[in-house]
Protein backbone atom coordinates (compact mmCIF):
# COMPACT_ATOMS: atom_id res chain seq x y z
CA ALA A 1 -88.37 52.04 57.23
CA PHE A 2 -84.81 52.68 56.12
CA LEU A 3 -83.81 56.34 55.92
CA ALA A 4 -80.86 57.51 53.87
CA ALA A 5 -78.37 59.53 55.87
CA ALA A 6 -78.58 62.28 53.28
CA GLU A 7 -81.93 63.16 54.83
CA VAL A 8 -80.28 63.97 58.16
CA ALA A 9 -78.37 67.15 59.02
CA PRO A 10 -74.75 66.45 59.98
CA ILE A 11 -73.14 67.00 63.37
CA VAL A 12 -69.88 68.86 62.84
CA ALA A 13 -67.07 68.88 65.38
CA ALA A 14 -64.80 71.77 64.47
CA GLY A 15 -62.11 73.99 65.88
CA GLY A 16 -64.02 76.92 64.39
CA GLY A 17 -67.17 76.14 66.35
CA ALA A 18 -69.47 74.91 63.54
CA GLY A 19 -72.69 73.29 64.77
CA VAL A 20 -75.62 71.15 63.72
CA GLY A 21 -77.02 72.07 60.33
CA SER A 22 -73.83 73.62 58.96
CA VAL A 23 -73.50 73.59 55.20
CA VAL A 24 -71.52 70.57 54.00
CA ALA A 25 -69.23 72.75 51.89
CA ASP A 26 -68.45 74.90 54.93
CA ALA A 27 -67.93 71.85 57.11
CA LEU A 28 -65.18 70.48 54.90
CA VAL A 29 -62.31 72.64 56.11
CA GLU A 30 -59.19 71.84 58.09
CA GLU A 31 -59.51 70.16 61.48
CA GLU A 32 -63.18 69.24 61.13
CA GLU A 33 -65.10 66.00 61.35
CA VAL A 34 -68.55 65.54 59.78
CA ASP A 35 -70.62 62.97 61.66
CA TYR A 36 -73.35 61.14 59.73
CA THR A 37 -73.87 58.28 62.19
CA ALA A 38 -77.33 59.27 63.43
CA LYS A 39 -79.09 57.39 60.62
CA PRO A 40 -77.27 54.30 59.35
CA PHE A 41 -76.86 53.39 55.71
CA GLN A 42 -78.07 49.96 54.61
CA ILE A 43 -75.98 47.87 52.19
CA LEU A 44 -76.86 44.61 50.45
CA LEU A 45 -73.67 42.55 50.21
CA THR A 46 -73.31 39.29 48.28
CA GLY A 47 -70.52 36.74 48.21
CA PHE A 48 -70.16 33.39 46.46
CA LEU A 49 -69.62 29.78 47.49
CA GLY A 50 -66.81 27.70 46.00
CA PHE A 51 -66.87 26.88 42.29
CA LEU A 52 -65.08 24.75 39.69
CA ASP A 53 -61.53 24.12 41.00
CA PHE A 54 -62.03 26.35 44.06
CA SER A 55 -63.55 24.40 46.94
CA SER A 56 -63.69 27.54 49.06
CA ASN A 57 -64.20 31.19 48.27
CA PRO A 58 -62.92 34.13 50.35
CA THR A 59 -66.05 36.12 49.54
CA THR A 60 -68.03 33.57 51.57
CA ASP A 61 -66.00 34.61 54.61
CA ILE A 62 -66.22 38.30 53.77
CA ALA A 63 -70.02 38.18 53.53
CA ARG A 64 -70.26 36.30 56.81
CA LEU A 65 -67.81 38.62 58.57
CA LEU A 66 -69.77 41.74 57.62
CA GLY A 67 -73.28 40.28 57.60
CA ASP A 68 -75.71 41.56 60.25
CA THR A 69 -73.17 44.09 61.56
CA CYS A 70 -73.45 47.85 61.96
CA ASP A 71 -70.42 50.00 62.65
CA ASP A 72 -68.97 53.45 62.09
CA VAL A 73 -66.54 53.93 59.21
CA GLU A 74 -64.25 56.95 59.11
CA ILE A 75 -63.12 58.20 55.70
CA ARG A 76 -61.27 61.12 54.17
CA PRO A 77 -63.74 61.78 51.37
CA ASP A 78 -62.39 64.80 49.50
CA PRO A 79 -60.17 63.79 46.54
CA ALA A 80 -58.31 67.11 46.82
CA GLN A 81 -57.01 66.29 50.29
CA THR A 82 -53.49 65.22 51.09
CA SER A 83 -52.77 62.21 53.26
CA GLY A 84 -51.98 64.53 56.18
CA SER A 85 -55.29 66.36 56.08
CA GLN A 86 -57.50 66.28 59.16
CA ILE A 87 -60.75 66.56 57.18
CA ARG A 88 -62.76 63.39 57.73
CA ALA A 89 -66.30 62.05 57.76
CA ARG A 90 -67.87 59.30 59.81
CA LEU A 91 -70.70 57.15 58.45
CA ARG A 92 -72.63 54.35 60.12
CA VAL A 93 -73.04 51.35 57.83
CA CYS A 94 -75.23 48.27 58.32
CA TRP A 95 -74.61 45.17 56.22
CA HIS A 96 -77.19 42.67 54.96
CA SER A 97 -75.32 39.71 53.47
CA LYS A 98 -76.21 36.77 51.27
CA VAL A 99 -73.88 33.96 50.20
CA LEU A 100 -74.89 32.69 46.77
CA PRO A 101 -74.23 29.54 44.75
CA VAL A 102 -72.14 30.03 41.62
CA ASN A 103 -74.88 29.24 39.14
CA GLU A 104 -77.92 30.80 37.47
CA THR A 105 -79.90 30.71 40.71
CA GLY A 106 -77.23 32.82 42.40
CA ALA A 107 -76.99 35.23 39.48
CA LEU A 108 -80.75 35.82 39.51
CA TRP A 109 -81.19 36.19 43.28
CA PRO A 110 -80.15 39.87 43.77
CA THR A 111 -82.53 41.30 41.16
CA GLU A 112 -85.39 39.10 42.33
CA HIS A 113 -84.73 40.10 45.94
CA LEU A 114 -84.43 43.81 45.12
CA ARG A 115 -87.62 43.75 43.05
CA ASP A 116 -89.62 41.96 45.78
CA ALA A 117 -88.25 44.18 48.58
CA THR A 118 -89.02 47.34 46.62
CA LYS A 119 -92.58 46.21 45.92
CA ARG A 120 -93.20 45.61 49.62
CA SER A 121 -91.92 48.98 50.84
CA GLY A 122 -92.41 51.17 47.77
CA ARG A 123 -88.70 51.98 47.62
CA SER A 124 -85.40 50.15 47.78
CA PRO A 125 -84.59 49.19 51.37
CA TYR A 126 -80.88 49.48 50.54
CA ASP A 127 -78.68 52.52 50.00
CA ALA A 128 -76.16 50.54 47.93
CA VAL A 129 -75.48 47.08 46.57
CA VAL A 130 -72.01 45.53 46.76
CA HIS A 131 -71.22 42.23 45.03
CA CYS A 132 -67.95 40.41 45.74
CA GLY A 133 -66.22 37.67 43.79
CA LEU A 134 -62.92 35.81 43.57
CA GLU A 135 -60.39 36.46 40.83
CA ASP A 136 -57.49 34.16 41.54
CA PHE A 137 -54.97 35.81 39.20
CA ALA A 138 -55.70 39.39 40.32
CA LYS A 139 -52.74 41.33 41.71
CA GLY A 140 -54.95 43.10 44.23
CA LEU A 141 -58.43 44.20 45.04
CA LYS A 142 -60.32 45.38 41.92
CA ILE A 143 -63.43 47.51 41.44
CA GLU A 144 -65.25 46.62 38.23
CA VAL A 145 -66.42 49.69 36.30
CA ALA A 146 -68.69 47.84 33.84
CA ALA A 147 -70.38 44.52 33.10
CA ALA A 148 -71.11 42.77 29.78
CA ASN A 149 -74.38 41.20 28.68
CA ILE A 150 -73.06 37.63 28.70
CA LYS A 151 -74.82 34.58 30.11
CA ALA A 152 -72.37 32.44 32.06
CA ASN A 153 -71.62 28.85 31.16
CA ASP A 154 -71.59 26.37 34.06
CA THR A 155 -68.51 24.66 32.61
CA GLY A 156 -66.48 27.83 32.99
CA ASP A 157 -66.09 28.23 29.24
CA ASP A 158 -66.93 31.61 27.73
CA GLY A 159 -70.65 32.20 27.32
CA THR A 160 -72.04 33.05 23.90
CA PHE A 161 -75.63 34.09 24.72
CA PRO A 162 -76.92 37.31 26.33
CA ALA A 163 -77.83 37.28 30.00
CA VAL A 164 -80.75 39.63 29.33
CA ASP A 165 -82.34 39.55 25.88
CA GLY A 166 -82.66 42.98 24.29
CA ALA A 167 -80.43 44.68 26.85
CA PRO A 168 -77.31 46.69 25.89
CA HIS A 169 -74.04 44.86 25.31
CA LEU A 170 -72.34 46.78 28.12
CA LEU A 171 -73.52 48.67 31.19
CA ALA A 172 -71.43 51.06 33.29
CA THR A 173 -71.38 51.00 37.07
CA THR A 174 -73.88 53.25 38.84
CA VAL A 175 -71.23 54.19 41.41
CA ASN A 176 -69.80 57.73 41.26
CA ILE A 177 -66.18 56.61 41.12
CA GLY A 178 -64.99 60.19 40.69
CA TRP A 179 -64.86 60.41 44.49
CA LEU A 180 -62.37 57.53 44.73
CA SER A 181 -59.14 59.30 43.91
CA LEU A 182 -55.92 57.32 43.56
CA LYS A 183 -53.67 60.30 42.92
CA ALA A 184 -54.85 62.08 46.06
CA ARG A 185 -54.79 58.82 48.00
CA ASN A 186 -58.00 59.59 49.84
CA LEU A 187 -58.82 55.88 49.87
CA HIS A 188 -56.75 53.73 52.20
CA VAL A 189 -56.94 49.93 52.20
CA LEU A 190 -55.12 47.13 53.95
CA GLY A 191 -52.49 44.84 52.51
CA LYS A 192 -51.73 41.36 53.79
CA SER A 193 -49.54 42.51 56.64
CA LEU A 194 -49.47 46.30 56.56
CA THR A 195 -51.55 49.30 55.58
CA ARG A 196 -51.10 50.32 51.93
CA HIS A 197 -52.57 53.02 49.72
CA ALA A 198 -55.10 52.07 47.08
CA SER A 199 -52.73 53.37 44.40
CA GLU A 200 -50.45 50.44 45.21
CA LEU A 201 -53.20 47.98 44.32
CA GLU A 202 -54.79 47.06 41.00
CA LEU A 203 -57.95 49.01 41.82
CA TRP A 204 -59.76 49.56 38.52
CA SER A 205 -60.94 46.91 36.07
CA ARG A 206 -63.02 47.20 32.88
CA ASN A 207 -63.42 43.45 32.43
CA ALA A 208 -65.50 41.53 34.97
CA GLY A 209 -64.95 38.32 33.02
CA LYS A 210 -67.51 36.08 31.35
CA TYR A 211 -68.55 33.93 34.30
CA TYR A 212 -71.10 34.47 37.06
CA CYS A 213 -69.27 37.46 38.59
CA ASN A 214 -69.96 39.37 35.40
CA GLU A 215 -73.50 38.04 34.98
CA ILE A 216 -74.68 38.90 38.50
CA TYR A 217 -73.27 42.40 38.11
CA PHE A 218 -74.83 42.93 34.69
CA ARG A 219 -78.24 41.74 35.90
CA THR A 220 -78.11 44.10 38.89
CA LEU A 221 -77.07 47.08 36.75
CA GLU A 222 -79.69 46.25 34.12
CA TYR A 223 -82.42 46.11 36.78
CA ILE A 224 -81.38 49.43 38.34
CA ARG A 225 -81.08 51.19 35.00
CA SER A 226 -84.16 49.72 33.29
CA GLU A 227 -86.40 50.17 36.33
CA VAL A 228 -84.79 53.55 37.15
CA VAL A 229 -84.18 52.67 40.79
CA THR A 230 -83.13 55.98 42.34
CA THR A 231 -81.94 57.25 45.70
CA SER A 232 -83.15 60.20 47.78
CA THR A 233 -80.70 62.44 45.90
CA GLY A 234 -82.08 61.46 42.50
CA ALA A 235 -79.03 59.40 41.53
CA LEU A 236 -79.32 55.78 40.45
CA LEU A 237 -78.91 53.24 43.25
CA PRO A 238 -75.15 52.63 43.45
CA ALA A 239 -74.13 49.05 42.66
CA ALA A 240 -70.52 47.88 42.78
CA PHE A 241 -68.67 44.66 42.06
CA ILE A 242 -65.38 44.10 43.87
CA HIS A 243 -63.02 41.29 42.91
CA VAL A 244 -60.73 40.04 45.67
CA GLN A 245 -57.66 37.83 45.64
CA ASN A 246 -57.47 34.32 46.98
CA SER A 247 -57.12 34.06 50.76
CA SER A 248 -53.51 32.91 50.32
CA ALA A 249 -52.68 36.38 48.96
CA CYS A 250 -54.86 38.48 51.28
CA ARG A 251 -56.82 37.47 54.34
CA PRO A 252 -60.63 37.77 54.13
CA GLU A 253 -60.51 39.82 57.34
CA ASP A 254 -58.32 42.42 55.59
CA ASP A 255 -60.45 42.45 52.47
CA ALA A 256 -63.55 42.94 54.63
CA GLN A 257 -61.94 46.10 56.02
CA ASN A 258 -61.01 47.22 52.50
CA ILE A 259 -64.61 46.78 51.39
CA ARG A 260 -65.91 48.74 54.40
CA GLN A 261 -63.77 51.71 53.31
CA ILE A 262 -64.74 51.50 49.65
CA ALA A 263 -68.43 51.18 50.52
CA ALA A 264 -68.28 54.25 52.76
CA HIS A 265 -66.75 56.28 49.91
CA ILE A 266 -69.47 55.01 47.57
CA LEU A 267 -72.14 56.13 50.03
CA TRP A 268 -70.49 59.50 50.49
CA ALA A 269 -70.32 60.07 46.74
CA THR A 270 -74.03 59.37 46.25
CA TYR A 271 -75.64 60.84 49.36
CA LEU A 272 -73.34 63.33 51.05
CA ALA A 273 -70.83 64.79 48.61
CA PRO A 274 -70.84 68.60 48.34
CA GLY A 275 -72.31 70.09 45.21
CA PHE A 276 -75.81 68.66 45.21
CA CYS A 277 -78.63 71.12 44.50
CA LYS A 278 -80.34 72.67 47.51
CA ALA A 279 -83.40 70.48 47.06
CA SER A 280 -81.35 67.36 47.83
CA LEU A 281 -79.91 68.80 51.04
CA PRO A 282 -81.51 68.31 54.46
CA LEU A 283 -84.00 71.10 55.23
CA ALA A 284 -81.85 72.74 57.90
CA GLU A 285 -78.83 72.61 55.59
CA ALA A 286 -80.73 74.05 52.63
CA SER A 287 -81.97 76.92 54.77
CA ALA A 288 -78.45 77.68 55.96
CA LEU A 289 -77.18 77.64 52.38
CA ALA A 290 -79.96 79.99 51.26
CA ALA A 291 -79.08 82.38 54.05
CA THR A 292 -75.54 82.71 52.68
CA GLY A 293 -76.90 83.90 49.33
CA ALA A 294 -75.01 81.11 47.54
CA PRO A 295 -76.40 80.15 44.12
């Protein structure tokens, strides 16, 4: 059974001598590293095959590069930090990838898979869902913050019918994007040939289009919200859609690293960020917090 890392007390390496079970808020001070690698997070990642005038799709390569891998991702999670801060967290992330056709079958697969997997185990086997798609005219990597209830048209023309009858016209992402701060530059991603800050890329988008990128995202969000699929912290299961550039503008290998960083921040925001109520903290952590007399 998959176990969210939020259920495990952190290991803190600190100059001040903090140990296992330290309160997260206390752990996040200068010169400290919070280690959450004992229990890996599980992410469902989807990419697409080629479509219309695009015989290949960089998200195919991204899904295959990350699929069936588990590795540690180091992030600087606190938006208040400066780029020179030594505060950092390490998360272990395992990827479960699926490359989908760009059609209705592909758009339906994630929700059908999530529903079947949840029925078998009684809970979602994933800690997050990350969809990826190609946007050829994008100036950089883009995180979509919403999806529209539009059924895609195979011709590529704008759809005119709803993807899900009776559902809202628009659904917001279930990712806590407040922990991805551009001003503080706590999120670092790779450019084509050198490391660049996320603030130098076109990171946010409120329009996922009207093709299958939008439809797959809307269907996933509608399933999570209508079925109230929650995590161990009580938050909705985080689902993201990330648009990438064509491989001529940015190598799939670089975008795969970008996505690893973004996914780790998404996981941190949902499962590990300071400020959750005591009930959502690991038992040892909650006891330590109670001992301080903190509200």
